Amino acid sequence: YGGQDPGAVDITVQHGAYEETGSPS
């Protein structure tokens, strides 16, 4: 990634993310 740290972006997103509610359907 040209020296980019993808994990740093990942963690940033996680800290402000929503998540879908689970369902068997």
mmCIF file of all heavy atoms, coordinates in Angstrom:
data_MODEL
# 
_entry.id   MODEL 
# 
loop_
_atom_site.group_PDB 
_atom_site.id 
_atom_site.type_symbol 
_atom_site.label_atom_id 
_atom_site.label_alt_id 
_atom_site.label_comp_id 
_atom_site.label_asym_id 
_atom_site.label_entity_id 
_atom_site.label_seq_id 
_atom_site.pdbx_PDB_ins_code 
_atom_site.Cartn_x 
_atom_site.Cartn_y 
_atom_site.Cartn_z 
_atom_site.occupancy 
_atom_site.B_iso_or_equiv 
_atom_site.pdbx_formal_charge 
_atom_site.auth_seq_id 
_atom_site.auth_comp_id 
_atom_site.auth_asym_id 
_atom_site.auth_atom_id 
_atom_site.pdbx_PDB_model_num 
ATOM 1   N N   . TYR A 1 1  ? 0.823   -1.209  0.000  1.00 0.00 ? 1  TYR A N   1 
ATOM 2   C CA  . TYR A 1 1  ? 0.000   0.000   0.000  1.00 0.00 ? 1  TYR A CA  1 
ATOM 3   C C   . TYR A 1 1  ? 0.858   1.260   0.000  1.00 0.00 ? 1  TYR A C   1 
ATOM 4   O O   . TYR A 1 1  ? 0.471   2.290   0.550  1.00 0.00 ? 1  TYR A O   1 
ATOM 5   C CB  . TYR A 1 1  ? -0.944  -0.007  1.197  1.00 0.00 ? 1  TYR A CB  1 
ATOM 6   C CG  . TYR A 1 1  ? -1.871  -1.197  1.178  1.00 0.00 ? 1  TYR A CG  1 
ATOM 7   C CD1 . TYR A 1 1  ? -1.639  -2.304  1.991  1.00 0.00 ? 1  TYR A CD1 1 
ATOM 8   C CD2 . TYR A 1 1  ? -2.946  -1.255  0.307  1.00 0.00 ? 1  TYR A CD2 1 
ATOM 9   C CE1 . TYR A 1 1  ? -2.459  -3.417  1.949  1.00 0.00 ? 1  TYR A CE1 1 
ATOM 10  C CE2 . TYR A 1 1  ? -3.780  -2.368  0.244  1.00 0.00 ? 1  TYR A CE2 1 
ATOM 11  C CZ  . TYR A 1 1  ? -3.523  -3.448  1.071  1.00 0.00 ? 1  TYR A CZ  1 
ATOM 12  O OH  . TYR A 1 1  ? -4.336  -4.557  1.014  1.00 0.00 ? 1  TYR A OH  1 
ATOM 13  N N   . GLY A 1 2  ? 2.021   1.158   -0.612 1.00 0.00 ? 2  GLY A N   1 
ATOM 14  C CA  . GLY A 1 2  ? 2.900   2.314   -0.702 1.00 0.00 ? 2  GLY A CA  1 
ATOM 15  C C   . GLY A 1 2  ? 3.382   2.800   0.646  1.00 0.00 ? 2  GLY A C   1 
ATOM 16  O O   . GLY A 1 2  ? 3.621   4.002   0.826  1.00 0.00 ? 2  GLY A O   1 
ATOM 17  N N   . GLY A 1 3  ? 3.505   1.880   1.609  1.00 0.00 ? 3  GLY A N   1 
ATOM 18  C CA  . GLY A 1 3  ? 3.940   2.248   2.956  1.00 0.00 ? 3  GLY A CA  1 
ATOM 19  C C   . GLY A 1 3  ? 2.807   2.643   3.870  1.00 0.00 ? 3  GLY A C   1 
ATOM 20  O O   . GLY A 1 3  ? 3.034   3.020   5.029  1.00 0.00 ? 3  GLY A O   1 
ATOM 21  N N   . GLN A 1 4  ? 1.595   2.556   3.390  1.00 0.00 ? 4  GLN A N   1 
ATOM 22  C CA  . GLN A 1 4  ? 0.425   2.906   4.201  1.00 0.00 ? 4  GLN A CA  1 
ATOM 23  C C   . GLN A 1 4  ? 0.149   1.806   5.224  1.00 0.00 ? 4  GLN A C   1 
ATOM 24  O O   . GLN A 1 4  ? 0.448   0.629   5.013  1.00 0.00 ? 4  GLN A O   1 
ATOM 25  C CB  . GLN A 1 4  ? -0.782  3.082   3.284  1.00 0.00 ? 4  GLN A CB  1 
ATOM 26  C CG  . GLN A 1 4  ? -1.974  3.767   3.916  1.00 0.00 ? 4  GLN A CG  1 
ATOM 27  C CD  . GLN A 1 4  ? -3.105  3.962   2.911  1.00 0.00 ? 4  GLN A CD  1 
ATOM 28  O OE1 . GLN A 1 4  ? -3.066  3.435   1.803  1.00 0.00 ? 4  GLN A OE1 1 
ATOM 29  N NE2 . GLN A 1 4  ? -4.110  4.728   3.309  1.00 0.00 ? 4  GLN A NE2 1 
ATOM 30  N N   . ASP A 1 5  ? -0.424  2.191   6.353  1.00 0.00 ? 5  ASP A N   1 
ATOM 31  C CA  . ASP A 1 5  ? -0.782  1.252   7.416  1.00 0.00 ? 5  ASP A CA  1 
ATOM 32  C C   . ASP A 1 5  ? -2.289  1.027   7.369  1.00 0.00 ? 5  ASP A C   1 
ATOM 33  O O   . ASP A 1 5  ? -3.060  1.826   7.906  1.00 0.00 ? 5  ASP A O   1 
ATOM 34  C CB  . ASP A 1 5  ? -0.367  1.837   8.774  1.00 0.00 ? 5  ASP A CB  1 
ATOM 35  C CG  . ASP A 1 5  ? -0.718  0.942   9.951  1.00 0.00 ? 5  ASP A CG  1 
ATOM 36  O OD1 . ASP A 1 5  ? -1.414  -0.064  9.757  1.00 0.00 ? 5  ASP A OD1 1 
ATOM 37  O OD2 . ASP A 1 5  ? -0.292  1.261   11.087 1.00 0.00 ? 5  ASP A OD2 1 
ATOM 38  N N   . PRO A 1 6  ? -2.759  -0.055  6.748  1.00 0.00 ? 6  PRO A N   1 
ATOM 39  C CA  . PRO A 1 6  ? -4.214  -0.261  6.646  1.00 0.00 ? 6  PRO A CA  1 
ATOM 40  C C   . PRO A 1 6  ? -4.873  -0.474  7.994  1.00 0.00 ? 6  PRO A C   1 
ATOM 41  O O   . PRO A 1 6  ? -6.032  -0.121  8.180  1.00 0.00 ? 6  PRO A O   1 
ATOM 42  C CB  . PRO A 1 6  ? -4.334  -1.504  5.752  1.00 0.00 ? 6  PRO A CB  1 
ATOM 43  C CG  . PRO A 1 6  ? -3.010  -2.150  5.766  1.00 0.00 ? 6  PRO A CG  1 
ATOM 44  C CD  . PRO A 1 6  ? -1.998  -1.094  6.043  1.00 0.00 ? 6  PRO A CD  1 
ATOM 45  N N   . GLY A 1 7  ? -4.142  -1.065  8.956  1.00 0.00 ? 7  GLY A N   1 
ATOM 46  C CA  . GLY A 1 7  ? -4.715  -1.298  10.273 1.00 0.00 ? 7  GLY A CA  1 
ATOM 47  C C   . GLY A 1 7  ? -5.076  -0.015  10.997 1.00 0.00 ? 7  GLY A C   1 
ATOM 48  O O   . GLY A 1 7  ? -6.034  0.024   11.767 1.00 0.00 ? 7  GLY A O   1 
ATOM 49  N N   . ALA A 1 8  ? -4.303  1.037   10.761 1.00 0.00 ? 8  ALA A N   1 
ATOM 50  C CA  . ALA A 1 8  ? -4.600  2.325   11.401 1.00 0.00 ? 8  ALA A CA  1 
ATOM 51  C C   . ALA A 1 8  ? -5.932  2.872   10.906 1.00 0.00 ? 8  ALA A C   1 
ATOM 52  O O   . ALA A 1 8  ? -6.722  3.433   11.677 1.00 0.00 ? 8  ALA A O   1 
ATOM 53  C CB  . ALA A 1 8  ? -3.472  3.315   11.124 1.00 0.00 ? 8  ALA A CB  1 
ATOM 54  N N   . VAL A 1 9  ? -6.193  2.714   9.606  1.00 0.00 ? 9  VAL A N   1 
ATOM 55  C CA  . VAL A 1 9  ? -7.477  3.135   9.056  1.00 0.00 ? 9  VAL A CA  1 
ATOM 56  C C   . VAL A 1 9  ? -8.594  2.271   9.638  1.00 0.00 ? 9  VAL A C   1 
ATOM 57  O O   . VAL A 1 9  ? -9.658  2.769   10.028 1.00 0.00 ? 9  VAL A O   1 
ATOM 58  C CB  . VAL A 1 9  ? -7.465  3.016   7.514  1.00 0.00 ? 9  VAL A CB  1 
ATOM 59  C CG1 . VAL A 1 9  ? -8.812  3.468   6.936  1.00 0.00 ? 9  VAL A CG1 1 
ATOM 60  C CG2 . VAL A 1 9  ? -6.331  3.845   6.920  1.00 0.00 ? 9  VAL A CG2 1 
ATOM 61  N N   . ASP A 1 10 ? -8.339  0.973   9.710  1.00 0.00 ? 10 ASP A N   1 
ATOM 62  C CA  . ASP A 1 10 ? -9.317  0.019   10.232 1.00 0.00 ? 10 ASP A CA  1 
ATOM 63  C C   . ASP A 1 10 ? -9.758  0.401   11.646 1.00 0.00 ? 10 ASP A C   1 
ATOM 64  O O   . ASP A 1 10 ? -10.953 0.463   11.951 1.00 0.00 ? 10 ASP A O   1 
ATOM 65  C CB  . ASP A 1 10 ? -8.688  -1.376  10.225 1.00 0.00 ? 10 ASP A CB  1 
ATOM 66  C CG  . ASP A 1 10 ? -9.693  -2.494  10.351 1.00 0.00 ? 10 ASP A CG  1 
ATOM 67  O OD1 . ASP A 1 10 ? -10.636 -2.357  11.152 1.00 0.00 ? 10 ASP A OD1 1 
ATOM 68  O OD2 . ASP A 1 10 ? -9.536  -3.517  9.670  1.00 0.00 ? 10 ASP A OD2 1 
ATOM 69  N N   . ILE A 1 11 ? -8.808  0.642   12.516 1.00 0.00 ? 11 ILE A N   1 
ATOM 70  C CA  . ILE A 1 11 ? -9.132  0.968   13.906 1.00 0.00 ? 11 ILE A CA  1 
ATOM 71  C C   . ILE A 1 11 ? -9.910  2.280   13.992 1.00 0.00 ? 11 ILE A C   1 
ATOM 72  O O   . ILE A 1 11 ? -10.857 2.409   14.785 1.00 0.00 ? 11 ILE A O   1 
ATOM 73  C CB  . ILE A 1 11 ? -7.849  1.024   14.754 1.00 0.00 ? 11 ILE A CB  1 
ATOM 74  C CG1 . ILE A 1 11 ? -7.269  -0.385  14.908 1.00 0.00 ? 11 ILE A CG1 1 
ATOM 75  C CG2 . ILE A 1 11 ? -8.131  1.619   16.139 1.00 0.00 ? 11 ILE A CG2 1 
ATOM 76  C CD1 . ILE A 1 11 ? -5.937  -0.433  15.625 1.00 0.00 ? 11 ILE A CD1 1 
ATOM 77  N N   . THR A 1 12 ? -9.526  3.250   13.174 1.00 0.00 ? 12 THR A N   1 
ATOM 78  C CA  . THR A 1 12 ? -10.256 4.524   13.160 1.00 0.00 ? 12 THR A CA  1 
ATOM 79  C C   . THR A 1 12 ? -11.719 4.308   12.812 1.00 0.00 ? 12 THR A C   1 
ATOM 80  O O   . THR A 1 12 ? -12.622 4.881   13.436 1.00 0.00 ? 12 THR A O   1 
ATOM 81  C CB  . THR A 1 12 ? -9.618  5.491   12.149 1.00 0.00 ? 12 THR A CB  1 
ATOM 82  O OG1 . THR A 1 12 ? -8.269  5.756   12.528 1.00 0.00 ? 12 THR A OG1 1 
ATOM 83  C CG2 . THR A 1 12 ? -10.383 6.800   12.078 1.00 0.00 ? 12 THR A CG2 1 
ATOM 84  N N   . VAL A 1 13 ? -11.965 3.473   11.810 1.00 0.00 ? 13 VAL A N   1 
ATOM 85  C CA  . VAL A 1 13 ? -13.342 3.191   11.400 1.00 0.00 ? 13 VAL A CA  1 
ATOM 86  C C   . VAL A 1 13 ? -14.096 2.475   12.518 1.00 0.00 ? 13 VAL A C   1 
ATOM 87  O O   . VAL A 1 13 ? -15.229 2.824   12.852 1.00 0.00 ? 13 VAL A O   1 
ATOM 88  C CB  . VAL A 1 13 ? -13.358 2.343   10.111 1.00 0.00 ? 13 VAL A CB  1 
ATOM 89  C CG1 . VAL A 1 13 ? -14.784 1.891   9.790  1.00 0.00 ? 13 VAL A CG1 1 
ATOM 90  C CG2 . VAL A 1 13 ? -12.791 3.129   8.948  1.00 0.00 ? 13 VAL A CG2 1 
ATOM 91  N N   . GLN A 1 14 ? -13.463 1.481   13.124 1.00 0.00 ? 14 GLN A N   1 
ATOM 92  C CA  . GLN A 1 14 ? -14.128 0.725   14.195 1.00 0.00 ? 14 GLN A CA  1 
ATOM 93  C C   . GLN A 1 14 ? -14.606 1.618   15.321 1.00 0.00 ? 14 GLN A C   1 
ATOM 94  O O   . GLN A 1 14 ? -15.682 1.398   15.882 1.00 0.00 ? 14 GLN A O   1 
ATOM 95  C CB  . GLN A 1 14 ? -13.165 -0.318  14.767 1.00 0.00 ? 14 GLN A CB  1 
ATOM 96  C CG  . GLN A 1 14 ? -12.946 -1.527  13.903 1.00 0.00 ? 14 GLN A CG  1 
ATOM 97  C CD  . GLN A 1 14 ? -12.066 -2.523  14.618 1.00 0.00 ? 14 GLN A CD  1 
ATOM 98  O OE1 . GLN A 1 14 ? -12.359 -2.935  15.731 1.00 0.00 ? 14 GLN A OE1 1 
ATOM 99  N NE2 . GLN A 1 14 ? -10.980 -2.885  13.973 1.00 0.00 ? 14 GLN A NE2 1 
ATOM 100 N N   . HIS A 1 15 ? -13.816 2.614   15.662 1.00 0.00 ? 15 HIS A N   1 
ATOM 101 C CA  . HIS A 1 15 ? -14.161 3.454   16.807 1.00 0.00 ? 15 HIS A CA  1 
ATOM 102 C C   . HIS A 1 15 ? -15.405 4.298   16.577 1.00 0.00 ? 15 HIS A C   1 
ATOM 103 O O   . HIS A 1 15 ? -16.018 4.760   17.542 1.00 0.00 ? 15 HIS A O   1 
ATOM 104 C CB  . HIS A 1 15 ? -12.971 4.360   17.169 1.00 0.00 ? 15 HIS A CB  1 
ATOM 105 C CG  . HIS A 1 15 ? -11.969 3.703   18.065 1.00 0.00 ? 15 HIS A CG  1 
ATOM 106 N ND1 . HIS A 1 15 ? -12.284 3.202   19.311 1.00 0.00 ? 15 HIS A ND1 1 
ATOM 107 C CD2 . HIS A 1 15 ? -10.654 3.449   17.888 1.00 0.00 ? 15 HIS A CD2 1 
ATOM 108 C CE1 . HIS A 1 15 ? -11.215 2.686   19.868 1.00 0.00 ? 15 HIS A CE1 1 
ATOM 109 N NE2 . HIS A 1 15 ? -10.203 2.804   19.028 1.00 0.00 ? 15 HIS A NE2 1 
ATOM 110 N N   . GLY A 1 16 ? -15.789 4.502   15.333 1.00 0.00 ? 16 GLY A N   1 
ATOM 111 C CA  . GLY A 1 16 ? -16.979 5.308   15.089 1.00 0.00 ? 16 GLY A CA  1 
ATOM 112 C C   . GLY A 1 16 ? -18.055 4.577   14.331 1.00 0.00 ? 16 GLY A C   1 
ATOM 113 O O   . GLY A 1 16 ? -18.981 5.204   13.817 1.00 0.00 ? 16 GLY A O   1 
ATOM 114 N N   . ALA A 1 17 ? -17.941 3.248   14.235 1.00 0.00 ? 17 ALA A N   1 
ATOM 115 C CA  . ALA A 1 17 ? -18.832 2.494   13.361 1.00 0.00 ? 17 ALA A CA  1 
ATOM 116 C C   . ALA A 1 17 ? -20.105 2.040   14.055 1.00 0.00 ? 17 ALA A C   1 
ATOM 117 O O   . ALA A 1 17 ? -20.156 1.870   15.264 1.00 0.00 ? 17 ALA A O   1 
ATOM 118 C CB  . ALA A 1 17 ? -18.097 1.275   12.805 1.00 0.00 ? 17 ALA A CB  1 
ATOM 119 N N   . TYR A 1 18 ? -21.130 1.842   13.234 1.00 0.00 ? 18 TYR A N   1 
ATOM 120 C CA  . TYR A 1 18 ? -22.339 1.142   13.644 1.00 0.00 ? 18 TYR A CA  1 
ATOM 121 C C   . TYR A 1 18 ? -22.184 -0.307  13.231 1.00 0.00 ? 18 TYR A C   1 
ATOM 122 O O   . TYR A 1 18 ? -21.321 -0.652  12.415 1.00 0.00 ? 18 TYR A O   1 
ATOM 123 C CB  . TYR A 1 18 ? -23.571 1.714   12.943 1.00 0.00 ? 18 TYR A CB  1 
ATOM 124 C CG  . TYR A 1 18 ? -23.841 3.165   13.199 1.00 0.00 ? 18 TYR A CG  1 
ATOM 125 C CD1 . TYR A 1 18 ? -23.433 4.138   12.297 1.00 0.00 ? 18 TYR A CD1 1 
ATOM 126 C CD2 . TYR A 1 18 ? -24.525 3.566   14.344 1.00 0.00 ? 18 TYR A CD2 1 
ATOM 127 C CE1 . TYR A 1 18 ? -23.688 5.481   12.509 1.00 0.00 ? 18 TYR A CE1 1 
ATOM 128 C CE2 . TYR A 1 18 ? -24.794 4.903   14.570 1.00 0.00 ? 18 TYR A CE2 1 
ATOM 129 C CZ  . TYR A 1 18 ? -24.370 5.852   13.660 1.00 0.00 ? 18 TYR A CZ  1 
ATOM 130 O OH  . TYR A 1 18 ? -24.631 7.176   13.887 1.00 0.00 ? 18 TYR A OH  1 
ATOM 131 N N   . GLU A 1 19 ? -23.055 -1.177  13.731 1.00 0.00 ? 19 GLU A N   1 
ATOM 132 C CA  . GLU A 1 19 ? -23.048 -2.556  13.253 1.00 0.00 ? 19 GLU A CA  1 
ATOM 133 C C   . GLU A 1 19 ? -24.485 -3.007  13.018 1.00 0.00 ? 19 GLU A C   1 
ATOM 134 O O   . GLU A 1 19 ? -25.413 -2.512  13.642 1.00 0.00 ? 19 GLU A O   1 
ATOM 135 C CB  . GLU A 1 19 ? -22.319 -3.486  14.225 1.00 0.00 ? 19 GLU A CB  1 
ATOM 136 C CG  . GLU A 1 19 ? -23.180 -4.229  15.223 1.00 0.00 ? 19 GLU A CG  1 
ATOM 137 C CD  . GLU A 1 19 ? -23.821 -3.298  16.237 1.00 0.00 ? 19 GLU A CD  1 
ATOM 138 O OE1 . GLU A 1 19 ? -23.320 -2.167  16.419 1.00 0.00 ? 19 GLU A OE1 1 
ATOM 139 O OE2 . GLU A 1 19 ? -24.826 -3.704  16.842 1.00 0.00 ? 19 GLU A OE2 1 
ATOM 140 N N   . GLU A 1 20 ? -24.645 -3.926  12.085 1.00 0.00 ? 20 GLU A N   1 
ATOM 141 C CA  . GLU A 1 20 ? -25.965 -4.462  11.789 1.00 0.00 ? 20 GLU A CA  1 
ATOM 142 C C   . GLU A 1 20 ? -26.419 -5.390  12.906 1.00 0.00 ? 20 GLU A C   1 
ATOM 143 O O   . GLU A 1 20 ? -25.615 -6.126  13.476 1.00 0.00 ? 20 GLU A O   1 
ATOM 144 C CB  . GLU A 1 20 ? -25.915 -5.226  10.463 1.00 0.00 ? 20 GLU A CB  1 
ATOM 145 C CG  . GLU A 1 20 ? -27.189 -5.945  10.094 1.00 0.00 ? 20 GLU A CG  1 
ATOM 146 C CD  . GLU A 1 20 ? -28.365 -5.024  9.929  1.00 0.00 ? 20 GLU A CD  1 
ATOM 147 O OE1 . GLU A 1 20 ? -28.451 -4.325  8.913  1.00 0.00 ? 20 GLU A OE1 1 
ATOM 148 O OE2 . GLU A 1 20 ? -29.197 -4.993  10.852 1.00 0.00 ? 20 GLU A OE2 1 
ATOM 149 N N   . THR A 1 21 ? -27.699 -5.349  13.245 1.00 0.00 ? 21 THR A N   1 
ATOM 150 C CA  . THR A 1 21 ? -28.255 -6.272  14.227 1.00 0.00 ? 21 THR A CA  1 
ATOM 151 C C   . THR A 1 21 ? -28.423 -7.639  13.582 1.00 0.00 ? 21 THR A C   1 
ATOM 152 O O   . THR A 1 21 ? -28.874 -7.751  12.450 1.00 0.00 ? 21 THR A O   1 
ATOM 153 C CB  . THR A 1 21 ? -29.621 -5.766  14.727 1.00 0.00 ? 21 THR A CB  1 
ATOM 154 O OG1 . THR A 1 21 ? -29.447 -4.476  15.300 1.00 0.00 ? 21 THR A OG1 1 
ATOM 155 C CG2 . THR A 1 21 ? -30.194 -6.715  15.766 1.00 0.00 ? 21 THR A CG2 1 
ATOM 156 N N   . GLY A 1 22 ? -28.050 -8.684  14.294 1.00 0.00 ? 22 GLY A N   1 
ATOM 157 C CA  . GLY A 1 22 ? -28.119 -10.031 13.743 1.00 0.00 ? 22 GLY A CA  1 
ATOM 158 C C   . GLY A 1 22 ? -29.531 -10.591 13.740 1.00 0.00 ? 22 GLY A C   1 
ATOM 159 O O   . GLY A 1 22 ? -30.400 -10.160 14.493 1.00 0.00 ? 22 GLY A O   1 
ATOM 160 N N   . SER A 1 23 ? -29.752 -11.569 12.869 1.00 0.00 ? 23 SER A N   1 
ATOM 161 C CA  . SER A 1 23 ? -31.037 -12.251 12.790 1.00 0.00 ? 23 SER A CA  1 
ATOM 162 C C   . SER A 1 23 ? -30.865 -13.568 12.051 1.00 0.00 ? 23 SER A C   1 
ATOM 163 O O   . SER A 1 23 ? -30.129 -13.630 11.065 1.00 0.00 ? 23 SER A O   1 
ATOM 164 C CB  . SER A 1 23 ? -32.057 -11.387 12.048 1.00 0.00 ? 23 SER A CB  1 
ATOM 165 O OG  . SER A 1 23 ? -33.245 -12.119 11.788 1.00 0.00 ? 23 SER A OG  1 
ATOM 166 N N   . PRO A 1 24 ? -31.541 -14.630 12.491 1.00 0.00 ? 24 PRO A N   1 
ATOM 167 C CA  . PRO A 1 24 ? -31.480 -15.898 11.757 1.00 0.00 ? 24 PRO A CA  1 
ATOM 168 C C   . PRO A 1 24 ? -32.014 -15.793 10.329 1.00 0.00 ? 24 PRO A C   1 
ATOM 169 O O   . PRO A 1 24 ? -31.696 -16.611 9.478  1.00 0.00 ? 24 PRO A O   1 
ATOM 170 C CB  . PRO A 1 24 ? -32.360 -16.833 12.598 1.00 0.00 ? 24 PRO A CB  1 
ATOM 171 C CG  . PRO A 1 24 ? -32.352 -16.247 13.967 1.00 0.00 ? 24 PRO A CG  1 
ATOM 172 C CD  . PRO A 1 24 ? -32.301 -14.756 13.745 1.00 0.00 ? 24 PRO A CD  1 
ATOM 173 N N   . SER A 1 25 ? -32.842 -14.766 10.062 1.00 0.00 ? 25 SER A N   1 
ATOM 174 C CA  . SER A 1 25 ? -33.411 -14.621 8.722  1.00 0.00 ? 25 SER A CA  1 
ATOM 175 C C   . SER A 1 25 ? -32.572 -13.701 7.838  1.00 0.00 ? 25 SER A C   1 
ATOM 176 O O   . SER A 1 25 ? -33.018 -13.301 6.759  1.00 0.00 ? 25 SER A O   1 
ATOM 177 C CB  . SER A 1 25 ? -34.843 -14.078 8.810  1.00 0.00 ? 25 SER A CB  1 
ATOM 178 O OG  . SER A 1 25 ? -34.874 -12.804 9.415  1.00 0.00 ? 25 SER A OG  1 
# 
